[in-house]
Amino acid sequence: MSRLWGIVPAAGQGTRIQPLAFSKELLPVGSRVDESGVERPRAISEHLLERMVLGGADRLLIVISPLKSDILRYYGGHYGTARIAYAVQEHAAGLCDAIFRAVPFVRPEEGVLVGLPDTIWFPADALRALPDGRLSFLLFPVDRPELFDAVDTDAEGRVREVQVKRPDAATNWIWGAFKMPGATLHALHALWEERGRQDEYIGTLVNAWIARGGAAFGVRAGRSYVDTGTLNGYRDAARLLDAPVMMEPSMSGEKA
């Protein structure tokens, strides 16, 4: 696979953790050491960008709303070794709409990574476990899968169903990121358009994709996962980042 894009949907309003005076993707969680050796706060979305670069992304596309120019000012044109482009989602219209803002940028022969910028997960290099050439989800075990999108797979890892926030989830493994060829991105976009853009969540669209004979796979390479979109989740993220490495596997991904 030639170029690998990292798609970062960052146009949401962040109502669960308001009020903030800035975009939720810039909420400080953890720290980093800058080029001069000074420790500084780290924006929550930096954790995802770092993981995408570790996963091989050399281009990043951040999808923002018209009100989120602070994200553009914060990141500018690059992060690490990856160049950054921006797309605008004029109105909050769900994850699928945000992801498909990447369609004009991504060629069929290129690859795509998608993650959520208000999450923190380990191991940091887990995206490397996802194969090229097919739609695959990076899975994490959590205590309360009904709060997320659980991914039910067979013994070979083939996805049977994505269970979107179902109280009767058949598994405690949820997706935290996913990878696919650019051709699959374009095919999913065409299916989404055919279905009248009714799919807000990627899980319902993937279920339709599978029903039509498409394939998706789950890779259980994740150990710990936290959604920082709530105050309790923000506290969990701070604890996760402060925990010793040996404690990572025992951390849950519960979201309040």
Protein backbone atom coordinates (compact mmCIF):
# COMPACT_ATOMS: atom_id res chain seq x y z
CA MET A 1 0.00 0.00 0.00
CA SER A 2 1.39 3.41 -0.96
CA ARG A 3 0.26 6.40 1.08
CA LEU A 4 -1.55 5.80 4.36
CA TRP A 5 -4.00 8.43 5.57
CA GLY A 6 -5.07 8.95 9.16
CA ILE A 7 -8.63 10.33 9.31
CA VAL A 8 -9.44 12.28 12.48
CA PRO A 9 -13.14 13.27 12.85
CA ALA A 10 -12.95 16.34 15.09
CA ALA A 11 -16.08 18.32 14.19
CA GLY A 12 -18.27 17.22 17.12
CA GLN A 13 -19.58 19.73 19.65
CA GLY A 14 -18.40 17.85 22.74
CA THR A 15 -21.62 18.50 24.65
CA ARG A 16 -20.88 15.76 27.23
CA ILE A 17 -17.89 17.62 28.63
CA GLN A 18 -18.88 21.28 28.15
CA PRO A 19 -18.42 24.06 29.11
CA LEU A 20 -14.99 24.51 27.56
CA ALA A 21 -13.45 27.64 26.09
CA PHE A 22 -11.82 25.63 23.29
CA SER A 23 -12.35 22.53 21.16
CA LYS A 24 -12.63 19.33 23.21
CA GLU A 25 -9.87 17.78 21.06
CA LEU A 26 -7.43 20.24 22.66
CA LEU A 27 -8.33 19.27 26.22
CA PRO A 28 -4.99 18.71 28.03
CA VAL A 29 -4.46 15.09 29.08
CA GLY A 30 -0.96 13.99 30.04
CA SER A 31 2.17 15.80 28.94
CA ARG A 32 4.99 15.82 26.43
CA VAL A 33 8.53 17.16 26.29
CA ASP A 34 9.07 19.77 23.60
CA GLU A 35 12.17 20.26 21.45
CA SER A 36 13.77 22.48 24.09
CA GLY A 37 13.36 19.81 26.76
CA VAL A 38 10.48 21.53 28.56
CA GLU A 39 7.53 19.41 29.71
CA ARG A 40 4.22 20.80 28.46
CA PRO A 41 0.55 19.73 28.58
CA ARG A 42 -0.56 17.44 25.77
CA ALA A 43 -3.83 17.81 23.86
CA ILE A 44 -6.02 14.71 24.01
CA SER A 45 -6.06 14.41 20.20
CA GLU A 46 -2.26 14.23 20.11
CA HIS A 47 -2.48 10.72 21.53
CA LEU A 48 -4.42 9.57 18.47
CA LEU A 49 -2.19 11.41 16.00
CA GLU A 50 0.86 9.84 17.62
CA ARG A 51 -0.70 6.37 17.31
CA MET A 52 -1.59 6.95 13.67
CA VAL A 53 1.98 7.97 12.85
CA LEU A 54 3.25 4.91 14.72
CA GLY A 55 0.81 2.87 12.63
CA GLY A 56 2.39 4.12 9.42
CA ALA A 57 0.29 7.17 8.50
CA ASP A 58 2.21 9.75 6.47
CA ARG A 59 -0.80 11.98 5.82
CA LEU A 60 -3.40 13.12 8.35
CA LEU A 61 -6.80 14.59 7.51
CA ILE A 62 -8.48 16.38 10.40
CA VAL A 63 -12.20 17.01 9.89
CA ILE A 64 -13.27 20.15 11.74
CA SER A 65 -16.35 22.35 12.01
CA PRO A 66 -16.24 26.03 10.96
CA LEU A 67 -15.95 26.97 14.65
CA LYS A 68 -12.84 24.88 15.34
CA SER A 69 -10.10 27.02 13.88
CA ASP A 70 -8.18 26.56 17.15
CA ILE A 71 -7.36 22.99 16.05
CA LEU A 72 -5.87 24.31 12.81
CA ARG A 73 -3.84 26.89 14.76
CA TYR A 74 -2.63 24.25 17.20
CA TYR A 75 -1.42 21.67 14.67
CA GLY A 76 -0.65 23.72 11.59
CA GLY A 77 0.59 21.70 8.63
CA HIS A 78 2.27 18.69 10.16
CA TYR A 79 2.52 16.38 13.14
CA GLY A 80 5.78 14.52 13.54
CA THR A 81 6.65 13.03 10.16
CA ALA A 82 3.09 13.30 8.80
CA ARG A 83 1.64 16.20 6.82
CA ILE A 84 -1.82 17.49 7.79
CA ALA A 85 -4.75 18.48 5.60
CA TYR A 86 -8.11 19.77 6.83
CA ALA A 87 -11.70 19.25 5.71
CA VAL A 88 -14.77 21.09 7.01
CA GLN A 89 -18.00 19.43 8.15
CA GLU A 90 -20.41 22.35 8.10
CA HIS A 91 -22.97 20.73 10.41
CA ALA A 92 -22.64 17.86 12.90
CA ALA A 93 -24.13 14.98 10.91
CA GLY A 94 -22.59 11.89 12.46
CA LEU A 95 -19.42 9.87 12.18
CA CYS A 96 -20.08 8.50 8.70
CA ASP A 97 -20.55 11.98 7.28
CA ALA A 98 -17.30 13.11 8.91
CA ILE A 99 -15.28 10.13 7.68
CA PHE A 100 -16.51 10.49 4.11
CA ARG A 101 -15.18 14.03 3.97
CA ALA A 102 -11.94 12.18 3.19
CA VAL A 103 -13.24 10.71 -0.07
CA PRO A 104 -11.94 13.55 -2.32
CA PHE A 105 -8.47 13.20 -0.76
CA VAL A 106 -7.94 9.43 -0.75
CA ARG A 107 -7.13 7.42 -3.87
CA PRO A 108 -8.38 3.83 -4.17
CA GLU A 109 -4.83 2.43 -4.03
CA GLU A 110 -4.01 4.28 -0.80
CA GLY A 111 -4.82 3.17 2.74
CA VAL A 112 -6.92 4.71 5.51
CA LEU A 113 -6.78 4.65 9.31
CA VAL A 114 -9.70 6.04 11.32
CA GLY A 115 -9.70 6.79 15.03
CA LEU A 116 -11.52 8.96 17.56
CA PRO A 117 -9.62 12.01 18.85
CA ASP A 118 -11.18 12.01 22.33
CA THR A 119 -9.94 8.52 23.25
CA ILE A 120 -6.75 7.11 24.74
CA TRP A 121 -5.78 3.49 24.30
CA PHE A 122 -2.87 1.10 24.63
CA PRO A 123 -0.65 -0.32 23.30
CA ALA A 124 0.30 2.82 21.44
CA ASP A 125 1.52 0.87 18.40
CA ALA A 126 -1.55 -1.40 18.16
CA LEU A 127 -2.51 -0.09 14.70
CA ARG A 128 0.44 -2.02 13.33
CA ALA A 129 -1.51 -5.21 14.07
CA LEU A 130 -4.15 -4.33 11.45
CA PRO A 131 -3.51 -5.89 8.03
CA ASP A 132 -3.35 -4.07 4.73
CA GLY A 133 -5.87 -4.80 2.03
CA ARG A 134 -9.06 -5.31 4.01
CA LEU A 135 -11.46 -3.59 6.38
CA SER A 136 -10.30 -4.43 9.91
CA PHE A 137 -11.22 -3.14 13.36
CA LEU A 138 -8.80 -2.73 16.26
CA LEU A 139 -10.64 -4.23 19.23
CA PHE A 140 -10.40 -3.50 22.96
CA PRO A 141 -11.98 -5.27 25.96
CA VAL A 142 -14.21 -3.08 28.15
CA ASP A 143 -16.41 -3.60 31.21
CA ARG A 144 -19.56 -2.05 29.70
CA PRO A 145 -19.75 -2.80 25.97
CA GLU A 146 -23.32 -1.51 25.79
CA LEU A 147 -21.93 2.02 25.93
CA PHE A 148 -19.85 1.48 22.80
CA ASP A 149 -19.95 -0.39 19.49
CA ALA A 150 -19.31 -4.05 20.28
CA VAL A 151 -17.87 -6.17 17.47
CA ASP A 152 -19.04 -9.79 17.32
CA THR A 153 -16.57 -11.99 15.43
CA ASP A 154 -16.30 -15.67 14.57
CA ALA A 155 -13.33 -17.90 15.46
CA GLU A 156 -11.38 -16.63 12.43
CA GLY A 157 -11.93 -12.98 13.34
CA ARG A 158 -14.50 -12.28 10.64
CA VAL A 159 -17.07 -9.73 11.82
CA ARG A 160 -20.58 -11.13 12.15
CA GLU A 161 -22.15 -7.91 13.41
CA VAL A 162 -21.32 -4.52 14.87
CA GLN A 163 -23.68 -4.04 17.80
CA VAL A 164 -24.14 -0.30 18.19
CA LYS A 165 -24.71 0.58 21.86
CA ARG A 166 -26.77 -2.55 22.42
CA PRO A 167 -27.73 -3.44 26.03
CA ASP A 168 -27.54 -7.12 25.07
CA ALA A 169 -24.08 -6.94 23.46
CA ALA A 170 -22.79 -10.43 22.69
CA THR A 171 -19.16 -9.53 23.40
CA ASN A 172 -17.16 -7.13 25.54
CA TRP A 173 -14.78 -6.35 22.65
CA ILE A 174 -15.41 -2.93 21.09
CA TRP A 175 -13.74 -1.15 18.21
CA GLY A 176 -11.43 1.75 18.95
CA ALA A 177 -10.00 2.35 15.47
CA PHE A 178 -10.07 0.73 12.06
CA LYS A 179 -8.16 0.42 8.82
CA MET A 180 -9.17 -0.16 5.21
CA PRO A 181 -7.99 0.30 1.63
CA GLY A 182 -8.99 3.50 -0.10
CA ALA A 183 -11.09 1.44 -2.50
CA THR A 184 -13.15 0.18 0.45
CA LEU A 185 -13.62 3.75 1.71
CA HIS A 186 -15.03 4.68 -1.69
CA ALA A 187 -17.26 1.58 -1.77
CA LEU A 188 -18.63 2.30 1.70
CA HIS A 189 -19.27 5.89 0.69
CA ALA A 190 -21.22 4.71 -2.36
CA LEU A 191 -23.29 2.39 -0.15
CA TRP A 192 -23.93 5.20 2.32
CA GLU A 193 -25.15 7.42 -0.51
CA GLU A 194 -27.34 4.60 -1.86
CA ARG A 195 -28.91 4.18 1.59
CA GLY A 196 -29.85 7.86 1.63
CA ARG A 197 -27.10 8.86 4.07
CA GLN A 198 -29.24 7.41 6.86
CA ASP A 199 -26.31 5.83 8.69
CA GLU A 200 -24.97 8.05 11.44
CA TYR A 201 -22.75 5.35 12.95
CA ILE A 202 -20.14 3.39 11.02
CA GLY A 203 -21.41 0.18 12.67
CA THR A 204 -24.81 0.21 10.97
CA LEU A 205 -23.20 0.91 7.61
CA VAL A 206 -20.72 -1.94 8.06
CA ASN A 207 -23.58 -4.27 8.94
CA ALA A 208 -25.21 -3.34 5.61
CA TRP A 209 -21.85 -3.89 3.90
CA ILE A 210 -21.60 -7.38 5.39
CA ALA A 211 -25.20 -8.20 4.45
CA ARG A 212 -24.29 -7.44 0.83
CA GLY A 213 -21.35 -9.85 0.88
CA GLY A 214 -18.62 -7.51 2.06
CA ALA A 215 -16.08 -8.67 4.63
CA ALA A 216 -14.75 -7.06 7.79
CA PHE A 217 -12.39 -8.44 10.42
CA GLY A 218 -11.69 -7.78 14.08
CA VAL A 219 -8.19 -7.87 15.58
CA ARG A 220 -8.04 -8.23 19.37
CA ALA A 221 -4.77 -6.36 19.80
CA GLY A 222 -5.94 -3.69 22.25
CA ARG A 223 -5.40 -3.84 26.02
CA SER A 224 -6.97 -0.70 27.50
CA TYR A 225 -9.34 1.96 26.20
CA VAL A 226 -10.79 5.15 27.65
CA ASP A 227 -13.25 7.64 26.17
CA THR A 228 -12.49 11.10 27.57
CA GLY A 229 -15.77 12.62 26.38
CA THR A 230 -17.16 12.81 29.91
CA LEU A 231 -15.73 14.12 33.16
CA ASN A 232 -15.38 10.61 34.58
CA GLY A 233 -13.73 9.46 31.37
CA TYR A 234 -11.32 12.38 31.59
CA ARG A 235 -10.35 11.28 35.09
CA ASP A 236 -9.93 7.68 33.91
CA ALA A 237 -7.62 8.85 31.13
CA ALA A 238 -5.41 10.72 33.59
CA ARG A 239 -5.17 7.60 35.75
CA LEU A 240 -4.41 5.42 32.73
CA LEU A 241 -1.55 7.67 31.63
CA ASP A 242 -0.11 7.74 35.16
CA ALA A 243 -0.34 3.95 35.62
CA PRO A 244 2.81 1.82 35.32
CA VAL A 245 3.08 -0.16 32.09
CA MET A 246 2.54 -3.43 33.98
CA MET A 247 -0.91 -2.17 35.01
CA GLU A 248 -2.16 -1.38 31.50
CA PRO A 249 -3.83 -4.75 30.78
CA SER A 250 -6.04 -4.46 33.87
CA MET A 251 -7.47 -1.07 33.01
CA SER A 252 -11.06 -1.08 31.78
CA GLY A 253 -12.53 1.06 29.04
CA GLU A 254 -15.70 2.00 30.88
CA LYS A 255 -17.32 5.24 29.84
CA ALA A 256 -19.63 7.04 32.21
